[in-house]
Amino acid sequence: MISFLLSFAIASVLAIVLHGSTRKFVRSRLRYVDAIQKGGAPWLAGGAVFLVGSLFAGLLPLVGLGTALTAGFAVGAGVAAGARDIRQGTSPVVYGP
């Protein structure tokens, strides 16, 4: 029971952090990349994260396929949200490096 709660907490925190950092990365660094605006970009990014996470699922005791799936979904949703922010013009203007 306690391992389930711990793995759920890890997956939840990981999803929140990955979604926010991916959205910020797409808004600031990939603003002028046309490929990020295509419909398959969130699926490709989320699938890549799921594949990498599923490789580590057997190695780490508290990381399973559910955590990998959650991480893939969070990254895909972050890419989609960042691309939508760029299209709508709601992304913040970043000055400097």
PDB file of N, CA and C in Angstrom:
ATOM      1  N   MET A   1       0.809  -1.189   0.000  1.00  0.00           N
ATOM      2  CA  MET A   1       0.000   0.000   0.000  1.00  0.00           C
ATOM      3  C   MET A   1       0.858   1.260   0.000  1.00  0.00           C
ATOM      4  N   ILE A   2       1.899   1.249   0.842  1.00  0.00           N
ATOM      5  CA  ILE A   2       2.740   2.439   0.928  1.00  0.00           C
ATOM      6  C   ILE A   2       3.571   2.619  -0.339  1.00  0.00           C
ATOM      7  N   SER A   3       3.934   1.531  -0.988  1.00  0.00           N
ATOM      8  CA  SER A   3       4.706   1.654  -2.233  1.00  0.00           C
ATOM      9  C   SER A   3       3.824   2.218  -3.359  1.00  0.00           C
ATOM     10  N   PHE A   4       2.539   1.866  -3.346  1.00  0.00           N
ATOM     11  CA  PHE A   4       1.626   2.438  -4.337  1.00  0.00           C
ATOM     12  C   PHE A   4       1.488   3.942  -4.147  1.00  0.00           C
ATOM     13  N   LEU A   5       1.321   4.384  -2.912  1.00  0.00           N
ATOM     14  CA  LEU A   5       1.188   5.802  -2.642  1.00  0.00           C
ATOM     15  C   LEU A   5       2.465   6.555  -2.990  1.00  0.00           C
ATOM     16  N   LEU A   6       3.607   5.947  -2.706  1.00  0.00           N
ATOM     17  CA  LEU A   6       4.879   6.585  -3.025  1.00  0.00           C
ATOM     18  C   LEU A   6       5.085   6.688  -4.532  1.00  0.00           C
ATOM     19  N   SER A   7       4.758   5.635  -5.253  1.00  0.00           N
ATOM     20  CA  SER A   7       4.907   5.683  -6.704  1.00  0.00           C
ATOM     21  C   SER A   7       3.893   6.653  -7.334  1.00  0.00           C
ATOM     22  N   PHE A   8       2.702   6.750  -6.778  1.00  0.00           N
ATOM     23  CA  PHE A   8       1.716   7.720  -7.256  1.00  0.00           C
ATOM     24  C   PHE A   8       2.192   9.146  -7.020  1.00  0.00           C
ATOM     25  N   ALA A   9       2.803   9.394  -5.865  1.00  0.00           N
ATOM     26  CA  ALA A   9       3.329  10.729  -5.570  1.00  0.00           C
ATOM     27  C   ALA A   9       4.473  11.083  -6.517  1.00  0.00           C
ATOM     28  N   ILE A  10       5.336  10.118  -6.794  1.00  0.00           N
ATOM     29  CA  ILE A  10       6.443  10.347  -7.723  1.00  0.00           C
ATOM     30  C   ILE A  10       5.907  10.669  -9.110  1.00  0.00           C
ATOM     31  N   ALA A  11       4.932   9.915  -9.574  1.00  0.00           N
ATOM     32  CA  ALA A  11       4.356  10.142 -10.898  1.00  0.00           C
ATOM     33  C   ALA A  11       3.650  11.490 -10.966  1.00  0.00           C
ATOM     34  N   SER A  12       2.976  11.884  -9.910  1.00  0.00           N
ATOM     35  CA  SER A  12       2.266  13.168  -9.903  1.00  0.00           C
ATOM     36  C   SER A  12       3.226  14.347  -9.957  1.00  0.00           C
ATOM     37  N   VAL A  13       4.250  14.298  -9.136  1.00  0.00           N
ATOM     38  CA  VAL A  13       5.242  15.379  -9.134  1.00  0.00           C
ATOM     39  C   VAL A  13       5.991  15.424 -10.456  1.00  0.00           C
ATOM     40  N   LEU A  14       6.337  14.271 -10.983  1.00  0.00           N
ATOM     41  CA  LEU A  14       7.022  14.203 -12.263  1.00  0.00           C
ATOM     42  C   LEU A  14       6.171  14.788 -13.378  1.00  0.00           C
ATOM     43  N   ALA A  15       4.878  14.499 -13.377  1.00  0.00           N
ATOM     44  CA  ALA A  15       3.987  15.023 -14.409  1.00  0.00           C
ATOM     45  C   ALA A  15       3.874  16.541 -14.328  1.00  0.00           C
ATOM     46  N   ILE A  16       3.766  17.078 -13.140  1.00  0.00           N
ATOM     47  CA  ILE A  16       3.652  18.526 -12.981  1.00  0.00           C
ATOM     48  C   ILE A  16       4.923  19.232 -13.434  1.00  0.00           C
ATOM     49  N   VAL A  17       6.069  18.699 -13.030  1.00  0.00           N
ATOM     50  CA  VAL A  17       7.347  19.310 -13.396  1.00  0.00           C
ATOM     51  C   VAL A  17       7.604  19.193 -14.901  1.00  0.00           C
ATOM     52  N   LEU A  18       7.354  18.028 -15.470  1.00  0.00           N
ATOM     53  CA  LEU A  18       7.595  17.841 -16.899  1.00  0.00           C
ATOM     54  C   LEU A  18       6.676  18.697 -17.760  1.00  0.00           C
ATOM     55  N   HIS A  19       5.415  18.800 -17.387  1.00  0.00           N
ATOM     56  CA  HIS A  19       4.482  19.617 -18.164  1.00  0.00           C
ATOM     57  C   HIS A  19       4.913  21.086 -18.159  1.00  0.00           C
ATOM     58  N   GLY A  20       5.224  21.605 -17.001  1.00  0.00           N
ATOM     59  CA  GLY A  20       5.611  23.012 -16.900  1.00  0.00           C
ATOM     60  C   GLY A  20       6.915  23.323 -17.610  1.00  0.00           C
ATOM     61  N   SER A  21       7.902  22.469 -17.432  1.00  0.00           N
ATOM     62  CA  SER A  21       9.196  22.732 -18.071  1.00  0.00           C
ATOM     63  C   SER A  21       9.125  22.548 -19.585  1.00  0.00           C
ATOM     64  N   THR A  22       8.342  21.587 -20.056  1.00  0.00           N
ATOM     65  CA  THR A  22       8.191  21.396 -21.499  1.00  0.00           C
ATOM     66  C   THR A  22       7.450  22.563 -22.120  1.00  0.00           C
ATOM     67  N   ARG A  23       6.407  23.035 -21.473  1.00  0.00           N
ATOM     68  CA  ARG A  23       5.654  24.181 -21.993  1.00  0.00           C
ATOM     69  C   ARG A  23       6.534  25.421 -22.069  1.00  0.00           C
ATOM     70  N   LYS A  24       7.331  25.655 -21.029  1.00  0.00           N
ATOM     71  CA  LYS A  24       8.227  26.804 -21.014  1.00  0.00           C
ATOM     72  C   LYS A  24       9.307  26.667 -22.086  1.00  0.00           C
ATOM     73  N   PHE A  25       9.839  25.465 -22.277  1.00  0.00           N
ATOM     74  CA  PHE A  25      10.870  25.240 -23.286  1.00  0.00           C
ATOM     75  C   PHE A  25      10.329  25.489 -24.690  1.00  0.00           C
ATOM     76  N   VAL A  26       9.125  25.022 -24.958  1.00  0.00           N
ATOM     77  CA  VAL A  26       8.532  25.228 -26.284  1.00  0.00           C
ATOM     78  C   VAL A  26       8.264  26.706 -26.511  1.00  0.00           C
ATOM     79  N   ARG A  27       7.757  27.407 -25.504  1.00  0.00           N
ATOM     80  CA  ARG A  27       7.469  28.836 -25.668  1.00  0.00           C
ATOM     81  C   ARG A  27       8.719  29.663 -25.872  1.00  0.00           C
ATOM     82  N   SER A  28       9.793  29.353 -25.162  1.00  0.00           N
ATOM     83  CA  SER A  28      10.971  30.214 -25.225  1.00  0.00           C
ATOM     84  C   SER A  28      11.977  29.778 -26.286  1.00  0.00           C
ATOM     85  N   ARG A  29      12.259  28.487 -26.396  1.00  0.00           N
ATOM     86  CA  ARG A  29      13.328  28.039 -27.288  1.00  0.00           C
ATOM     87  C   ARG A  29      12.838  27.587 -28.656  1.00  0.00           C
ATOM     88  N   LEU A  30      11.642  27.090 -28.758  1.00  0.00           N
ATOM     89  CA  LEU A  30      11.147  26.556 -30.029  1.00  0.00           C
ATOM     90  C   LEU A  30      10.103  27.466 -30.670  1.00  0.00           C
ATOM     91  N   ARG A  31      10.157  28.726 -30.337  1.00  0.00           N
ATOM     92  CA  ARG A  31       9.175  29.684 -30.842  1.00  0.00           C
ATOM     93  C   ARG A  31       9.202  29.794 -32.363  1.00  0.00           C
ATOM     94  N   TYR A  32      10.374  29.744 -32.970  1.00  0.00           N
ATOM     95  CA  TYR A  32      10.507  29.951 -34.414  1.00  0.00           C
ATOM     96  C   TYR A  32      10.692  28.654 -35.188  1.00  0.00           C
ATOM     97  N   VAL A  33      10.477  27.527 -34.564  1.00  0.00           N
ATOM     98  CA  VAL A  33      10.583  26.234 -35.236  1.00  0.00           C
ATOM     99  C   VAL A  33       9.204  25.865 -35.772  1.00  0.00           C
ATOM    100  N   ASP A  34       9.118  25.727 -37.083  1.00  0.00           N
ATOM    101  CA  ASP A  34       7.817  25.459 -37.698  1.00  0.00           C
ATOM    102  C   ASP A  34       7.298  24.057 -37.389  1.00  0.00           C
ATOM    103  N   ALA A  35       8.192  23.106 -37.183  1.00  0.00           N
ATOM    104  CA  ALA A  35       7.777  21.719 -36.962  1.00  0.00           C
ATOM    105  C   ALA A  35       6.999  21.550 -35.660  1.00  0.00           C
ATOM    106  N   ILE A  36       7.200  22.431 -34.704  1.00  0.00           N
ATOM    107  CA  ILE A  36       6.508  22.300 -33.426  1.00  0.00           C
ATOM    108  C   ILE A  36       5.024  22.630 -33.561  1.00  0.00           C
ATOM    109  N   GLN A  37       4.652  23.346 -34.627  1.00  0.00           N
ATOM    110  CA  GLN A  37       3.264  23.713 -34.846  1.00  0.00           C
ATOM    111  C   GLN A  37       2.462  22.630 -35.546  1.00  0.00           C
ATOM    112  N   LYS A  38       3.108  21.591 -35.995  1.00  0.00           N
ATOM    113  CA  LYS A  38       2.402  20.499 -36.671  1.00  0.00           C
ATOM    114  C   LYS A  38       1.676  19.643 -35.638  1.00  0.00           C
ATOM    115  N   GLY A  39       0.655  18.952 -36.059  1.00  0.00           N
ATOM    116  CA  GLY A  39      -0.172  18.175 -35.146  1.00  0.00           C
ATOM    117  C   GLY A  39       0.507  16.956 -34.545  1.00  0.00           C
ATOM    118  N   GLY A  40       1.548  16.457 -35.187  1.00  0.00           N
ATOM    119  CA  GLY A  40       2.198  15.256 -34.689  1.00  0.00           C
ATOM    120  C   GLY A  40       3.301  15.500 -33.680  1.00  0.00           C
ATOM    121  N   ALA A  41       3.678  16.757 -33.472  1.00  0.00           N
ATOM    122  CA  ALA A  41       4.787  17.060 -32.558  1.00  0.00           C
ATOM    123  C   ALA A  41       4.507  16.626 -31.113  1.00  0.00           C
ATOM    124  N   PRO A  42       3.331  16.902 -30.547  1.00  0.00           N
ATOM    125  CA  PRO A  42       3.085  16.430 -29.177  1.00  0.00           C
ATOM    126  C   PRO A  42       3.076  14.907 -29.076  1.00  0.00           C
ATOM    127  N   TRP A  43       2.540  14.241 -30.101  1.00  0.00           N
ATOM    128  CA  TRP A  43       2.523  12.776 -30.080  1.00  0.00           C
ATOM    129  C   TRP A  43       3.937  12.210 -30.153  1.00  0.00           C
ATOM    130  N   LEU A  44       4.767  12.810 -30.986  1.00  0.00           N
ATOM    131  CA  LEU A  44       6.137  12.343 -31.137  1.00  0.00           C
ATOM    132  C   LEU A  44       6.939  12.549 -29.851  1.00  0.00           C
ATOM    133  N   ALA A  45       6.800  13.719 -29.246  1.00  0.00           N
ATOM    134  CA  ALA A  45       7.520  14.008 -28.008  1.00  0.00           C
ATOM    135  C   ALA A  45       7.036  13.111 -26.861  1.00  0.00           C
ATOM    136  N   GLY A  46       5.728  12.965 -26.734  1.00  0.00           N
ATOM    137  CA  GLY A  46       5.188  12.107 -25.674  1.00  0.00           C
ATOM    138  C   GLY A  46       5.554  10.649 -25.864  1.00  0.00           C
ATOM    139  N   GLY A  47       5.528  10.190 -27.113  1.00  0.00           N
ATOM    140  CA  GLY A  47       5.916   8.802 -27.393  1.00  0.00           C
ATOM    141  C   GLY A  47       7.378   8.538 -27.104  1.00  0.00           C
ATOM    142  N   ALA A  48       8.226   9.516 -27.416  1.00  0.00           N
ATOM    143  CA  ALA A  48       9.660   9.345 -27.134  1.00  0.00           C
ATOM    144  C   ALA A  48       9.922   9.268 -25.632  1.00  0.00           C
ATOM    145  N   VAL A  49       9.240  10.117 -24.874  1.00  0.00           N
ATOM    146  CA  VAL A  49       9.407  10.086 -23.417  1.00  0.00           C
ATOM    147  C   VAL A  49       8.864   8.781 -22.840  1.00  0.00           C
ATOM    148  N   PHE A  50       7.756   8.292 -23.383  1.00  0.00           N
ATOM    149  CA  PHE A  50       7.211   7.021 -22.915  1.00  0.00           C
ATOM    150  C   PHE A  50       8.178   5.870 -23.194  1.00  0.00           C
ATOM    151  N   LEU A  51       8.781   5.860 -24.377  1.00  0.00           N
ATOM    152  CA  LEU A  51       9.729   4.791 -24.701  1.00  0.00           C
ATOM    153  C   LEU A  51      10.949   4.823 -23.793  1.00  0.00           C
ATOM    154  N   VAL A  52      11.487   5.996 -23.546  1.00  0.00           N
ATOM    155  CA  VAL A  52      12.642   6.101 -22.642  1.00  0.00           C
ATOM    156  C   VAL A  52      12.243   5.713 -21.223  1.00  0.00           C
ATOM    157  N   GLY A  53      11.073   6.164 -20.792  1.00  0.00           N
ATOM    158  CA  GLY A  53      10.608   5.815 -19.451  1.00  0.00           C
ATOM    159  C   GLY A  53      10.311   4.334 -19.286  1.00  0.00           C
ATOM    160  N   SER A  54       9.813   3.698 -20.354  1.00  0.00           N
ATOM    161  CA  SER A  54       9.526   2.271 -20.253  1.00  0.00           C
ATOM    162  C   SER A  54      10.814   1.451 -20.204  1.00  0.00           C
ATOM    163  N   LEU A  55      11.899   1.976 -20.746  1.00  0.00           N
ATOM    164  CA  LEU A  55      13.185   1.287 -20.611  1.00  0.00           C
ATOM    165  C   LEU A  55      13.656   1.279 -19.166  1.00  0.00           C
ATOM    166  N   PHE A  56      13.389   2.378 -18.445  1.00  0.00           N
ATOM    167  CA  PHE A  56      13.792   2.463 -17.045  1.00  0.00           C
ATOM    168  C   PHE A  56      12.788   1.812 -16.098  1.00  0.00           C
ATOM    169  N   ALA A  57      11.636   1.409 -16.590  1.00  0.00           N
ATOM    170  CA  ALA A  57      10.596   0.848 -15.735  1.00  0.00           C
ATOM    171  C   ALA A  57      11.034  -0.449 -15.072  1.00  0.00           C
ATOM    172  N   GLY A  58      11.825  -1.232 -15.756  1.00  0.00           N
ATOM    173  CA  GLY A  58      12.290  -2.484 -15.167  1.00  0.00           C
ATOM    174  C   GLY A  58      13.476  -2.316 -14.243  1.00  0.00           C
ATOM    175  N   LEU A  59      14.175  -1.201 -14.356  1.00  0.00           N
ATOM    176  CA  LEU A  59      15.385  -1.001 -13.563  1.00  0.00           C
ATOM    177  C   LEU A  59      15.132  -0.347 -12.209  1.00  0.00           C
ATOM    178  N   LEU A  60      14.201   0.588 -12.161  1.00  0.00           N
ATOM    179  CA  LEU A  60      13.924   1.308 -10.921  1.00  0.00           C
ATOM    180  C   LEU A  60      12.713   0.690 -10.222  1.00  0.00           C
ATOM    181  N   PRO A  61      12.759   0.520  -8.912  1.00  0.00           N
ATOM    182  CA  PRO A  61      11.684  -0.203  -8.228  1.00  0.00           C
ATOM    183  C   PRO A  61      10.349   0.540  -8.166  1.00  0.00           C
ATOM    184  N   LEU A  62      10.336   1.850  -8.081  1.00  0.00           N
ATOM    185  CA  LEU A  62       9.080   2.583  -7.930  1.00  0.00           C
ATOM    186  C   LEU A  62       8.577   3.179  -9.232  1.00  0.00           C
ATOM    187  N   VAL A  63       9.300   2.955 -10.314  1.00  0.00           N
ATOM    188  CA  VAL A  63       8.902   3.488 -11.618  1.00  0.00           C
ATOM    189  C   VAL A  63       8.392   2.335 -12.458  1.00  0.00           C
ATOM    190  N   GLY A  64       7.144   2.418 -12.845  1.00  0.00           N
ATOM    191  CA  GLY A  64       6.549   1.379 -13.668  1.00  0.00           C
ATOM    192  C   GLY A  64       6.068   1.943 -14.984  1.00  0.00           C
ATOM    193  N   LEU A  65       5.307   1.158 -15.704  1.00  0.00           N
ATOM    194  CA  LEU A  65       4.782   1.624 -16.986  1.00  0.00           C
ATOM    195  C   LEU A  65       3.764   2.741 -16.814  1.00  0.00           C
ATOM    196  N   GLY A  66       3.075   2.760 -15.700  1.00  0.00           N
ATOM    197  CA  GLY A  66       2.138   3.844 -15.430  1.00  0.00           C
ATOM    198  C   GLY A  66       2.839   5.187 -15.266  1.00  0.00           C
ATOM    199  N   THR A  67       3.990   5.168 -14.598  1.00  0.00           N
ATOM    200  CA  THR A  67       4.778   6.387 -14.454  1.00  0.00           C
ATOM    201  C   THR A  67       5.314   6.842 -15.795  1.00  0.00           C
ATOM    202  N   ALA A  68       5.765   5.893 -16.622  1.00  0.00           N
ATOM    203  CA  ALA A  68       6.253   6.235 -17.956  1.00  0.00           C
ATOM    204  C   ALA A  68       5.129   6.795 -18.818  1.00  0.00           C
ATOM    205  N   LEU A  69       3.951   6.219 -18.711  1.00  0.00           N
ATOM    206  CA  LEU A  69       2.804   6.714 -19.469  1.00  0.00           C
ATOM    207  C   LEU A  69       2.396   8.106 -19.000  1.00  0.00           C
ATOM    208  N   THR A  70       2.428   8.340 -17.705  1.00  0.00           N
ATOM    209  CA  THR A  70       2.104   9.648 -17.156  1.00  0.00           C
ATOM    210  C   THR A  70       3.106  10.697 -17.618  1.00  0.00           C
ATOM    211  N   ALA A  71       4.382  10.341 -17.627  1.00  0.00           N
ATOM    212  CA  ALA A  71       5.413  11.270 -18.076  1.00  0.00           C
ATOM    213  C   ALA A  71       5.251  11.578 -19.562  1.00  0.00           C
ATOM    214  N   GLY A  72       4.958  10.578 -20.368  1.00  0.00           N
ATOM    215  CA  GLY A  72       4.741  10.804 -21.793  1.00  0.00           C
ATOM    216  C   GLY A  72       3.545  11.695 -22.053  1.00  0.00           C
ATOM    217  N   PHE A  73       2.476  11.475 -21.320  1.00  0.00           N
ATOM    218  CA  PHE A  73       1.283  12.317 -21.464  1.00  0.00           C
ATOM    219  C   PHE A  73       1.573  13.749 -21.040  1.00  0.00           C
ATOM    220  N   ALA A  74       2.336  13.938 -19.962  1.00  0.00           N
ATOM    221  CA  ALA A  74       2.648  15.282 -19.478  1.00  0.00           C
ATOM    222  C   ALA A  74       3.508  16.045 -20.482  1.00  0.00           C
ATOM    223  N   VAL A  75       4.479  15.371 -21.078  1.00  0.00           N
ATOM    224  CA  VAL A  75       5.331  16.041 -22.068  1.00  0.00           C
ATOM    225  C   VAL A  75       4.527  16.374 -23.319  1.00  0.00           C
ATOM    226  N   GLY A  76       3.713  15.443 -23.779  1.00  0.00           N
ATOM    227  CA  GLY A  76       2.884  15.711 -24.948  1.00  0.00           C
ATOM    228  C   GLY A  76       1.924  16.867 -24.720  1.00  0.00           C
ATOM    229  N   ALA A  77       1.315  16.906 -23.552  1.00  0.00           N
ATOM    230  CA  ALA A  77       0.402  18.007 -23.230  1.00  0.00           C
ATOM    231  C   ALA A  77       1.159  19.321 -23.084  1.00  0.00           C
ATOM    232  N   GLY A  78       2.383  19.264 -22.573  1.00  0.00           N
ATOM    233  CA  GLY A  78       3.196  20.478 -22.455  1.00  0.00           C
ATOM    234  C   GLY A  78       3.595  21.030 -23.815  1.00  0.00           C
ATOM    235  N   VAL A  79       3.937  20.146 -24.750  1.00  0.00           N
ATOM    236  CA  VAL A  79       4.275  20.590 -26.110  1.00  0.00           C
ATOM    237  C   VAL A  79       3.053  21.206 -26.772  1.00  0.00           C
ATOM    238  N   ALA A  80       1.913  20.564 -26.627  1.00  0.00           N
ATOM    239  CA  ALA A  80       0.684  21.099 -27.229  1.00  0.00           C
ATOM    240  C   ALA A  80       0.313  22.448 -26.618  1.00  0.00           C
ATOM    241  N   ALA A  81       0.452  22.593 -25.315  1.00  0.00           N
ATOM    242  CA  ALA A  81       0.110  23.859 -24.665  1.00  0.00           C
ATOM    243  C   ALA A  81       1.089  24.959 -25.055  1.00  0.00           C
ATOM    244  N   GLY A  82       2.367  24.640 -25.144  1.00  0.00           N
ATOM    245  CA  GLY A  82       3.347  25.629 -25.562  1.00  0.00           C
ATOM    246  C   GLY A  82       3.130  26.081 -26.994  1.00  0.00           C
ATOM    247  N   ALA A  83       2.809  25.146 -27.885  1.00  0.00           N
ATOM    248  CA  ALA A  83       2.524  25.504 -29.277  1.00  0.00           C
ATOM    249  C   ALA A  83       1.265  26.364 -29.370  1.00  0.00           C
ATOM    250  N   ARG A  84       0.262  26.050 -28.556  1.00  0.00           N
ATOM    251  CA  ARG A  84      -0.958  26.854 -28.545  1.00  0.00           C
ATOM    252  C   ARG A  84      -0.672  28.262 -28.023  1.00  0.00           C
ATOM    253  N   ASP A  85       0.188  28.371 -27.020  1.00  0.00           N
ATOM    254  CA  ASP A  85       0.563  29.694 -26.508  1.00  0.00           C
ATOM    255  C   ASP A  85       1.244  30.527 -27.595  1.00  0.00           C
ATOM    256  N   ILE A  86       2.085  29.890 -28.394  1.00  0.00           N
ATOM    257  CA  ILE A  86       2.771  30.603 -29.478  1.00  0.00           C
ATOM    258  C   ILE A  86       1.762  31.059 -30.528  1.00  0.00           C
ATOM    259  N   ARG A  87       0.848  30.178 -30.906  1.00  0.00           N
ATOM    260  CA  ARG A  87      -0.148  30.532 -31.928  1.00  0.00           C
ATOM    261  C   ARG A  87      -1.050  31.672 -31.472  1.00  0.00           C
ATOM    262  N   GLN A  88      -1.427  31.659 -30.199  1.00  0.00           N
ATOM    263  CA  GLN A  88      -2.340  32.675 -29.685  1.00  0.00           C
ATOM    264  C   GLN A  88      -1.623  33.960 -29.291  1.00  0.00           C
ATOM    265  N   GLY A  89      -0.306  33.905 -29.234  1.00  0.00           N
ATOM    266  CA  GLY A  89       0.457  35.085 -28.862  1.00  0.00           C
ATOM    267  C   GLY A  89       0.458  35.375 -27.390  1.00  0.00           C
ATOM    268  N   THR A  90       0.190  34.389 -26.568  1.00  0.00           N
ATOM    269  CA  THR A  90       0.155  34.608 -25.121  1.00  0.00           C
ATOM    270  C   THR A  90       1.462  34.252 -24.444  1.00  0.00           C
ATOM    271  N   SER A  91       2.475  33.876 -25.231  1.00  0.00           N
ATOM    272  CA  SER A  91       3.744  33.519 -24.615  1.00  0.00           C
ATOM    273  C   SER A  91       4.478  34.783 -24.194  1.00  0.00           C
ATOM    274  N   PRO A  92       5.152  34.752 -23.062  1.00  0.00           N
ATOM    275  CA  PRO A  92       5.840  35.954 -22.589  1.00  0.00           C
ATOM    276  C   PRO A  92       7.051  36.259 -23.468  1.00  0.00           C
ATOM    277  N   VAL A  93       7.354  37.522 -23.582  1.00  0.00           N
ATOM    278  CA  VAL A  93       8.516  37.953 -24.348  1.00  0.00           C
ATOM    279  C   VAL A  93       9.748  37.752 -23.476  1.00  0.00           C
ATOM    280  N   VAL A  94      10.733  37.037 -23.990  1.00  0.00           N
ATOM    281  CA  VAL A  94      11.942  36.738 -23.245  1.00  0.00           C
ATOM    282  C   VAL A  94      13.072  37.575 -23.828  1.00  0.00           C
ATOM    283  N   TYR A  95      13.663  38.410 -23.016  1.00  0.00           N
ATOM    284  CA  TYR A  95      14.800  39.213 -23.445  1.00  0.00           C
ATOM    285  C   TYR A  95      16.072  38.603 -22.890  1.00  0.00           C
ATOM    286  N   GLY A  96      17.103  38.576 -23.685  1.00  0.00           N
ATOM    287  CA  GLY A  96      18.387  38.044 -23.250  1.00  0.00           C
ATOM    288  C   GLY A  96      18.511  36.572 -23.536  1.00  0.00           C
ATOM    289  N   PRO A  97      19.571  35.960 -22.999  1.00  0.00           N
ATOM    290  CA  PRO A  97      19.837  34.537 -23.296  1.00  0.00           C
ATOM    291  C   PRO A  97      18.924  33.585 -22.617  1.00  0.00           C
TER     292      PRO A  97
END
